[in-house]
Amino acid sequence: MKEIRENLEILKKEANNMEENSTLLKLINVIDLLTEKVEEVIVNQETMEENIRFMDTDLSGIQEELFEEVSLEDLEEIEDEYEEVNCKHCNNPIFIEKSALTNNEDITCPYCKENILK
């Protein structure tokens, strides 16, 4: 844009002293520069719009995963698979798969890092 402004100033100064043809050529050069700049802006805008569409698609997928509706039956199945256990060291509640409780002797508490089974 700075280049366009400079050319416009030159055109204004020369318009008083020159013939119409040279002034017209200068005006055409300025218009060409403006056209190039507008094209650059359009390309940049299209790129940004495409990036925003990609981000929107990605966010929609994340939103669906985060806020997916769970039926009551699904909740009951989840409750059947997990058991709430209080850590013997810090007394914080932890939900653990029932199979993990029966198959493991050492389960580390995520809060105090101690074995919750001992």
Foldseek 3Di string as FASTA:
>chain_A
DVVLVVLVVVLVVCVVPDDPVVSVVSVVVSVVVVVVVVVVVVVVVVVVVVVVVVVVVVVVVVCCVVPPDDDPVNVVVVPVQWDWAAAPPPRDIDIDGPVCVVVDPADADPPPRHGRND
